[in-house]
């Protein structure tokens, strides 16, 4: 049994869940269309070009591809080491003038603000609609803030490498070094929501809007927290978990970097492969996502019936369309960074190692490049749902 200190006002009741069963790839339903010809040669040449939208029949790939335009940098000026080099002058500066130290995740609120887990600087940054950066949690030095409510910018964190952001901007922090999940309310108050006995390489976090449940990625295990039961094992059998999200159908989706797969996790904790054949090498652009290699897919975000997938080691962003075909969206390599001001589908390597992907309500695709410390954005080509696109 795994203990947890419950701090939301309800007593925790610990209980064990039975160990889940591994999913069977043979049971996964697949589209009945054969895979289209791939663009592997283009990948080797660094072109980053996916198959023409017409090659994938009636999938939504053409519409998704047409909905994105120019690639830009939202935050980061580039870093060549993992040192904490945050300076007082960075507060209130444009995002492109600050140095991020191995950022791990960046997520938006409904207004379009973007929150960044600046891991090695032990803080959470906010980039507002004008592109200005401020610190919203942490003191820029490692420490362990009290569990009781206090001002978030006066409460120390230790290697925060996970986030979840609610539509109104309330955020939750994976405080890795302290094995805690912190809540930062919209008034800037930080409280410990969950205190764990341990947290092995926590990265992914998902929290229900009403705090009725949360899922925490903990190395090879996925944990579930509720106010009544506290934190209990929910699913095992992973290799090295990354992001955890829920899609529009309410399905729990988990990226497993070490297994080179993305899974659907059902209510009983059973894993069913959704993306990736389990191999690291051999991605085929335009193939069925279950039939092709996806190298370390630690980032996942649902969009328009499909998924954006961020590949860590391959330094790529893929889109898996609504019929299950995988397309190379952005190409890169370790320590590569380029393409600002160009369309996303222009030739060339553009991104480094991907830690997270997310889509804002305004239609911006947000990508974290961990190795050189950048947060990138692929801007929408048109207004989304009648909202003004962010700058």
Protein backbone atom coordinates (compact mmCIF):
# COMPACT_ATOMS: atom_id res chain seq x y z
CA UNK A 1 0.00 0.00 0.00
CA UNK A 2 1.27 3.45 -0.91
CA UNK A 3 0.68 6.14 1.68
CA UNK A 4 -0.16 9.74 0.99
CA UNK A 5 -0.83 12.76 3.15
CA UNK A 6 -4.23 14.19 2.21
CA UNK A 7 -4.45 17.94 2.64
CA UNK A 8 -7.74 18.86 0.98
CA UNK A 9 -9.80 18.60 4.17
CA UNK A 10 -10.91 14.99 3.75
CA UNK A 11 -9.22 12.04 5.41
CA UNK A 12 -7.33 9.73 3.08
CA UNK A 13 -8.27 6.10 3.02
CA UNK A 14 -5.55 3.94 1.49
CA UNK A 15 -6.45 0.85 -0.51
CA UNK A 16 -4.80 -1.40 -3.04
CA UNK A 17 -6.07 -1.86 -6.54
CA UNK A 18 -5.44 -5.16 -8.30
CA UNK A 19 -2.54 -5.10 -10.70
CA UNK A 20 -3.83 -4.30 -14.20
CA UNK A 21 -3.29 -6.57 -17.14
CA UNK A 22 -1.15 -5.68 -20.09
CA UNK A 23 -3.11 -4.79 -23.18
CA UNK A 24 -3.15 -7.04 -26.25
CA UNK A 25 -2.21 -5.30 -29.48
CA UNK A 26 -4.14 -7.94 -31.45
CA UNK A 27 -7.39 -6.66 -29.95
CA UNK A 28 -6.92 -3.10 -31.23
CA UNK A 29 -9.29 -2.01 -33.98
CA UNK A 30 -7.53 -0.45 -36.96
CA UNK A 31 -8.69 1.45 -40.03
CA UNK A 32 -9.40 -0.80 -42.99
CA UNK A 33 -7.39 1.32 -45.41
CA UNK A 34 -3.86 0.17 -46.32
CA UNK A 35 -0.96 2.40 -45.35
CA UNK A 36 0.04 5.01 -47.88
CA UNK A 37 3.54 5.31 -49.26
CA UNK A 38 5.89 6.92 -46.74
CA UNK A 39 8.28 9.86 -46.96
CA UNK A 40 11.23 8.19 -45.26
CA UNK A 41 13.65 9.56 -47.81
CA UNK A 42 12.46 13.08 -47.09
CA UNK A 43 12.97 12.46 -43.35
CA UNK A 44 16.58 11.35 -43.94
CA UNK A 45 17.16 14.49 -45.99
CA UNK A 46 15.79 16.62 -43.17
CA UNK A 47 12.91 17.97 -45.21
CA UNK A 48 10.21 17.29 -42.63
CA UNK A 49 7.66 16.86 -45.43
CA UNK A 50 4.66 14.61 -44.80
CA UNK A 51 2.71 12.87 -47.55
CA UNK A 52 0.35 15.12 -49.47
CA UNK A 53 -3.00 15.41 -47.67
CA UNK A 54 -4.68 13.80 -50.70
CA UNK A 55 -2.69 10.62 -50.09
CA UNK A 56 -4.57 9.76 -46.91
CA UNK A 57 -8.06 9.66 -48.37
CA UNK A 58 -10.89 10.97 -46.28
CA UNK A 59 -9.02 11.51 -43.02
CA UNK A 60 -8.84 14.90 -41.34
CA UNK A 61 -5.13 15.30 -42.10
CA UNK A 62 -5.70 17.82 -44.90
CA UNK A 63 -7.80 20.06 -42.65
CA UNK A 64 -5.36 19.81 -39.74
CA UNK A 65 -2.37 20.54 -41.97
CA UNK A 66 -4.12 23.59 -43.44
CA UNK A 67 -5.06 24.96 -40.02
CA UNK A 68 -1.46 25.72 -38.98
CA UNK A 69 0.93 28.31 -40.36
CA UNK A 70 4.04 30.02 -39.04
CA UNK A 71 6.49 28.58 -36.47
CA UNK A 72 7.71 31.02 -33.81
CA UNK A 73 9.56 31.04 -30.49
CA UNK A 74 7.44 32.01 -27.50
CA UNK A 75 10.08 31.80 -24.76
CA UNK A 76 13.75 31.02 -24.34
CA UNK A 77 16.94 32.49 -25.75
CA UNK A 78 18.83 29.19 -25.82
CA UNK A 79 20.87 27.45 -23.14
CA UNK A 80 23.93 25.26 -23.54
CA UNK A 81 23.91 23.77 -20.04
CA UNK A 82 21.48 22.70 -17.31
CA UNK A 83 22.45 25.39 -14.83
CA UNK A 84 19.98 27.69 -13.13
CA UNK A 85 20.84 31.04 -14.67
CA UNK A 86 17.64 32.94 -13.94
CA UNK A 87 18.28 36.66 -13.47
CA UNK A 88 16.10 39.35 -11.82
CA UNK A 89 16.13 41.21 -15.14
CA UNK A 90 14.15 38.38 -16.73
CA UNK A 91 11.05 39.28 -14.71
CA UNK A 92 8.73 41.24 -16.98
CA UNK A 93 10.97 40.74 -20.02
CA UNK A 94 9.86 39.44 -23.43
CA UNK A 95 9.84 35.67 -23.53
CA UNK A 96 12.54 35.44 -26.17
CA UNK A 97 14.97 37.33 -23.91
CA UNK A 98 14.86 34.96 -20.93
CA UNK A 99 16.86 31.80 -20.31
CA UNK A 100 14.95 28.67 -19.42
CA UNK A 101 16.77 25.82 -17.68
CA UNK A 102 15.56 22.51 -19.09
CA UNK A 103 11.85 23.35 -19.28
CA UNK A 104 9.73 20.23 -19.12
CA UNK A 105 6.17 21.20 -19.93
CA UNK A 106 4.16 24.20 -21.12
CA UNK A 107 0.36 24.35 -20.97
CA UNK A 108 -2.16 27.12 -21.74
CA UNK A 109 -5.22 28.43 -19.95
CA UNK A 110 -8.36 29.42 -21.85
CA UNK A 111 -7.28 33.06 -22.07
CA UNK A 112 -4.12 32.05 -23.96
CA UNK A 113 -1.55 32.52 -21.20
CA UNK A 114 1.11 29.80 -21.21
CA UNK A 115 2.62 28.30 -18.04
CA UNK A 116 6.08 26.72 -18.15
CA UNK A 117 7.70 24.30 -15.70
CA UNK A 118 11.23 25.75 -15.62
CA UNK A 119 12.68 22.68 -13.96
CA UNK A 120 16.31 23.45 -13.20
CA UNK A 121 15.42 26.98 -12.11
CA UNK A 122 12.87 25.57 -9.63
CA UNK A 123 10.01 27.82 -10.74
CA UNK A 124 6.88 28.13 -12.86
CA UNK A 125 6.79 30.92 -15.46
CA UNK A 126 3.83 32.54 -17.13
CA UNK A 127 3.94 34.05 -20.61
CA UNK A 128 1.02 36.42 -21.04
CA UNK A 129 -0.79 37.51 -24.19
CA UNK A 130 1.81 40.23 -24.81
CA UNK A 131 4.65 37.70 -24.65
CA UNK A 132 5.90 38.95 -21.27
CA UNK A 133 7.32 36.48 -18.73
CA UNK A 134 6.67 36.53 -15.00
CA UNK A 135 7.22 33.98 -12.25
CA UNK A 136 4.00 32.63 -10.73
CA UNK A 137 5.41 29.99 -8.36
CA UNK A 138 8.78 29.19 -6.83
CA UNK A 139 11.70 31.28 -5.61
CA UNK A 140 14.26 30.29 -8.29
CA UNK A 141 16.12 28.29 -5.64
CA UNK A 142 15.47 24.69 -4.60
CA UNK A 143 13.52 24.26 -1.38
CA UNK A 144 10.36 22.84 0.15
CA UNK A 145 7.53 25.31 0.78
CA UNK A 146 5.16 24.69 3.68
CA UNK A 147 2.10 22.61 2.87
CA UNK A 148 -0.22 25.28 4.23
CA UNK A 149 -1.52 28.09 2.00
CA UNK A 150 0.98 30.80 1.18
CA UNK A 151 2.04 33.15 -1.59
CA UNK A 152 3.22 30.99 -4.48
CA UNK A 153 6.12 33.26 -5.42
CA UNK A 154 7.46 32.95 -1.87
CA UNK A 155 7.16 29.16 -1.73
CA UNK A 156 10.19 27.16 -2.81
CA UNK A 157 9.93 24.23 -5.24
CA UNK A 158 12.46 21.56 -6.18
CA UNK A 159 12.82 20.50 -9.82
CA UNK A 160 9.21 21.00 -10.92
CA UNK A 161 8.83 18.96 -14.08
CA UNK A 162 5.11 18.53 -14.52
CA UNK A 163 2.02 20.75 -14.75
CA UNK A 164 -1.69 20.67 -15.25
CA UNK A 165 -3.58 23.90 -15.98
CA UNK A 166 -7.32 24.42 -15.63
CA UNK A 167 -9.20 26.66 -18.07
CA UNK A 168 -9.34 29.54 -15.57
CA UNK A 169 -5.57 29.46 -14.94
CA UNK A 170 -5.55 27.47 -11.70
CA UNK A 171 -2.54 25.25 -11.97
CA UNK A 172 -1.09 22.12 -10.42
CA UNK A 173 2.63 21.45 -10.13
CA UNK A 174 4.55 18.19 -9.97
CA UNK A 175 7.10 19.24 -7.33
CA UNK A 176 9.39 16.34 -8.08
CA UNK A 177 12.16 16.94 -5.54
CA UNK A 178 9.64 17.22 -2.71
CA UNK A 179 7.30 14.44 -3.94
CA UNK A 180 4.28 16.75 -3.77
CA UNK A 181 1.52 17.98 -6.02
CA UNK A 182 0.96 21.70 -5.41
CA UNK A 183 -2.09 23.74 -6.29
CA UNK A 184 -1.71 27.40 -7.26
CA UNK A 185 -5.05 29.21 -7.20
CA UNK A 186 -5.86 32.11 -9.48
CA UNK A 187 -5.20 34.53 -6.59
CA UNK A 188 -1.58 33.32 -6.38
CA UNK A 189 -1.98 31.15 -3.27
CA UNK A 190 -0.06 27.86 -3.26
CA UNK A 191 -1.19 24.84 -1.22
CA UNK A 192 -0.05 21.24 -1.15
CA UNK A 193 -2.88 19.13 -2.55
CA UNK A 194 -1.10 15.76 -2.34
CA UNK A 195 2.01 14.80 -0.38
CA UNK A 196 3.46 11.47 -1.47
CA UNK A 197 5.88 9.12 0.24
CA UNK A 198 7.87 8.95 -2.99
CA UNK A 199 7.63 10.14 -6.58
CA UNK A 200 9.88 8.26 -9.02
CA UNK A 201 10.56 10.46 -12.02
CA UNK A 202 7.13 12.08 -12.04
CA UNK A 203 6.34 13.86 -15.32
CA UNK A 204 2.71 13.59 -16.31
CA UNK A 205 -0.23 14.99 -14.36
CA UNK A 206 -3.95 15.34 -15.03
CA UNK A 207 -6.40 16.86 -12.53
CA UNK A 208 -10.19 16.98 -12.88
CA UNK A 209 -11.65 20.51 -12.87
CA UNK A 210 -13.52 19.77 -9.63
CA UNK A 211 -10.52 17.98 -8.06
CA UNK A 212 -12.56 14.79 -7.81
CA UNK A 213 -9.61 12.80 -9.12
CA UNK A 214 -6.07 13.15 -10.41
CA UNK A 215 -3.66 10.89 -12.29
CA UNK A 216 0.07 11.04 -11.61
CA UNK A 217 2.74 9.52 -13.86
CA UNK A 218 5.30 7.87 -11.59
CA UNK A 219 7.99 6.13 -13.61
CA UNK A 220 6.62 2.71 -14.57
CA UNK A 221 3.32 3.22 -12.72
CA UNK A 222 0.26 5.41 -13.08
CA UNK A 223 -1.28 6.48 -9.76
CA UNK A 224 -4.81 7.68 -9.13
CA UNK A 225 -5.72 10.14 -6.38
CA UNK A 226 -9.15 10.93 -4.99
CA UNK A 227 -10.06 12.95 -1.89
CA UNK A 228 -11.63 9.85 -0.36
CA UNK A 229 -9.01 7.18 -1.10
CA UNK A 230 -5.86 9.23 -1.34
CA UNK A 231 -3.24 7.93 -3.78
CA UNK A 232 -3.34 4.32 -4.95
CA UNK A 233 -1.71 2.36 -7.81
CA UNK A 234 -3.96 2.42 -10.86
CA UNK A 235 -1.98 0.92 -13.75
CA UNK A 236 1.41 -0.75 -14.04
CA UNK A 237 3.44 -2.30 -16.83
CA UNK A 238 4.79 0.94 -18.27
CA UNK A 239 8.46 1.57 -18.94
CA UNK A 240 8.90 5.33 -18.49
CA UNK A 241 5.77 7.46 -18.47
CA UNK A 242 5.48 10.93 -19.93
CA UNK A 243 2.34 13.06 -20.32
CA UNK A 244 -1.11 11.91 -19.21
CA UNK A 245 -4.27 13.47 -20.69
CA UNK A 246 -7.93 12.74 -21.30
CA UNK A 247 -9.41 13.05 -24.78
CA UNK A 248 -12.85 14.32 -25.81
CA UNK A 249 -14.32 10.86 -25.19
CA UNK A 250 -13.04 10.85 -21.62
CA UNK A 251 -10.41 8.21 -22.34
CA UNK A 252 -7.21 8.33 -20.31
CA UNK A 253 -4.20 8.51 -22.65
CA UNK A 254 -0.59 7.99 -21.52
CA UNK A 255 2.68 8.40 -23.41
CA UNK A 256 5.27 5.74 -22.54
CA UNK A 257 8.67 6.97 -23.59
CA UNK A 258 10.53 3.77 -22.71
CA UNK A 259 8.07 1.41 -24.42
CA UNK A 260 7.87 3.58 -27.56
CA UNK A 261 4.08 3.51 -27.36
CA UNK A 262 1.06 5.59 -26.44
CA UNK A 263 -1.64 3.72 -24.52
CA UNK A 264 -5.31 4.03 -23.70
CA UNK A 265 -5.79 3.14 -20.03
CA UNK A 266 -9.28 1.83 -19.25
CA UNK A 267 -11.23 2.12 -15.99
CA UNK A 268 -9.67 -1.10 -14.72
CA UNK A 269 -6.13 -0.03 -15.44
CA UNK A 270 -5.72 -2.21 -18.54
CA UNK A 271 -3.39 -0.88 -21.24
CA UNK A 272 -4.30 -0.93 -24.91
CA UNK A 273 -1.74 0.35 -27.44
CA UNK A 274 -2.96 3.35 -29.41
CA UNK A 275 0.17 4.58 -31.18
CA UNK A 276 3.50 2.87 -31.92
CA UNK A 277 4.59 -0.72 -32.59
CA UNK A 278 7.07 -0.81 -29.71
CA UNK A 279 10.18 -0.16 -31.80
CA UNK A 280 12.40 2.91 -31.57
CA UNK A 281 13.66 2.93 -35.16
CA UNK A 282 11.76 2.75 -38.40
CA UNK A 283 9.11 5.48 -38.40
CA UNK A 284 7.17 5.40 -41.67
CA UNK A 285 5.45 8.67 -42.50
CA UNK A 286 1.87 8.00 -43.53
CA UNK A 287 1.67 4.49 -42.07
CA UNK A 288 -0.87 3.30 -39.55
CA UNK A 289 0.23 4.59 -36.18
CA UNK A 290 0.08 1.10 -34.66
CA UNK A 291 2.27 -0.33 -37.42
CA UNK A 292 5.14 2.14 -37.27
CA UNK A 293 7.93 2.96 -34.83
CA UNK A 294 7.57 6.05 -32.63
CA UNK A 295 10.78 6.87 -30.80
CA UNK A 296 10.12 7.82 -27.15
CA UNK A 297 6.63 9.39 -27.39
CA UNK A 298 6.56 11.22 -24.08
CA UNK A 299 4.23 14.06 -25.19
CA UNK A 300 0.60 13.60 -26.22
CA UNK A 301 -2.32 15.97 -26.85
CA UNK A 302 -5.72 15.21 -28.42
CA UNK A 303 -6.89 17.34 -31.34
CA UNK A 304 -9.81 17.04 -33.75
CA UNK A 305 -10.32 13.30 -33.33
CA UNK A 306 -6.60 12.56 -33.50
CA UNK A 307 -3.47 13.26 -31.49
CA UNK A 308 -0.32 15.32 -31.59
CA UNK A 309 2.61 13.23 -30.36
CA UNK A 310 5.99 14.59 -29.28
CA UNK A 311 8.93 12.24 -29.74
CA UNK A 312 11.79 12.82 -27.28
CA UNK A 313 14.76 11.02 -28.81
CA UNK A 314 13.71 11.50 -32.43
CA UNK A 315 12.98 15.21 -31.80
CA UNK A 316 9.78 15.13 -33.84
CA UNK A 317 6.16 16.13 -33.58
CA UNK A 318 3.73 13.76 -35.27
CA UNK A 319 0.03 14.00 -35.94
CA UNK A 320 -2.06 10.84 -35.82
CA UNK A 321 -5.21 11.55 -37.78
CA UNK A 322 -8.78 10.48 -37.07
CA UNK A 323 -8.33 7.30 -39.10
CA UNK A 324 -5.18 6.25 -37.28
CA UNK A 325 -2.48 7.26 -39.76
CA UNK A 326 0.71 8.91 -38.48
CA UNK A 327 2.17 12.00 -40.18
CA UNK A 328 5.43 13.81 -39.58
CA UNK A 329 4.47 17.35 -38.59
CA UNK A 330 7.77 18.87 -37.38
CA UNK A 331 11.20 17.33 -37.78
CA UNK A 332 14.35 17.96 -35.78
CA UNK A 333 17.31 16.49 -33.95
CA UNK A 334 19.00 16.90 -30.60
CA UNK A 335 20.08 20.53 -30.09
CA UNK A 336 18.50 21.71 -33.33
CA UNK A 337 16.46 24.91 -33.35
CA UNK A 338 15.32 26.76 -36.43
CA UNK A 339 12.53 27.77 -38.73
CA UNK A 340 11.26 30.84 -36.89
CA UNK A 341 9.09 32.85 -39.25
CA UNK A 342 8.68 29.95 -41.65
CA UNK A 343 5.68 27.75 -42.26
CA UNK A 344 5.70 24.58 -40.24
CA UNK A 345 5.95 22.47 -43.40
CA UNK A 346 8.95 24.30 -44.88
CA UNK A 347 11.98 22.01 -45.39
CA UNK A 348 14.56 21.72 -42.63
CA UNK A 349 15.14 20.56 -39.07
CA UNK A 350 13.28 22.88 -36.72
CA UNK A 351 13.04 21.47 -33.19
CA UNK A 352 15.09 19.75 -30.49
CA UNK A 353 14.09 17.11 -27.97
CA UNK A 354 10.35 17.39 -27.29
CA UNK A 355 9.09 17.28 -23.71
CA UNK A 356 5.49 18.37 -24.20
CA UNK A 357 2.89 19.38 -26.76
CA UNK A 358 -0.38 21.19 -26.12
CA UNK A 359 -3.00 23.12 -28.06
CA UNK A 360 -4.47 26.38 -26.85
CA UNK A 361 -8.13 27.34 -27.22
CA UNK A 362 -6.98 29.92 -29.76
CA UNK A 363 -5.49 27.20 -31.95
CA UNK A 364 -1.79 27.57 -31.13
CA UNK A 365 0.30 24.40 -30.99
CA UNK A 366 2.73 24.77 -28.05
CA UNK A 367 5.92 22.68 -27.99
CA UNK A 368 8.67 22.45 -25.38
CA UNK A 369 12.23 21.90 -26.62
CA UNK A 370 14.05 20.74 -23.52
CA UNK A 371 17.63 20.42 -24.69
CA UNK A 372 18.23 24.08 -25.58
CA UNK A 373 15.47 25.54 -23.43
CA UNK A 374 12.82 26.84 -25.82
CA UNK A 375 9.04 26.97 -25.98
CA UNK A 376 7.85 27.10 -29.57
CA UNK A 377 4.46 27.87 -31.09
CA UNK A 378 2.95 26.95 -34.43
CA UNK A 379 0.44 29.70 -35.08
CA UNK A 380 -3.02 28.99 -36.51
CA UNK A 381 -3.73 30.11 -40.03
CA UNK A 382 -7.23 31.35 -39.21
CA UNK A 383 -9.35 32.36 -36.26
CA UNK A 384 -10.52 29.45 -34.14
CA UNK A 385 -14.12 29.37 -32.93
CA UNK A 386 -14.47 33.10 -33.47
CA UNK A 387 -11.64 33.94 -31.05
CA UNK A 388 -8.78 36.23 -31.87
CA UNK A 389 -5.55 34.33 -32.49
CA UNK A 390 -2.85 35.06 -29.94
CA UNK A 391 0.10 37.24 -30.92
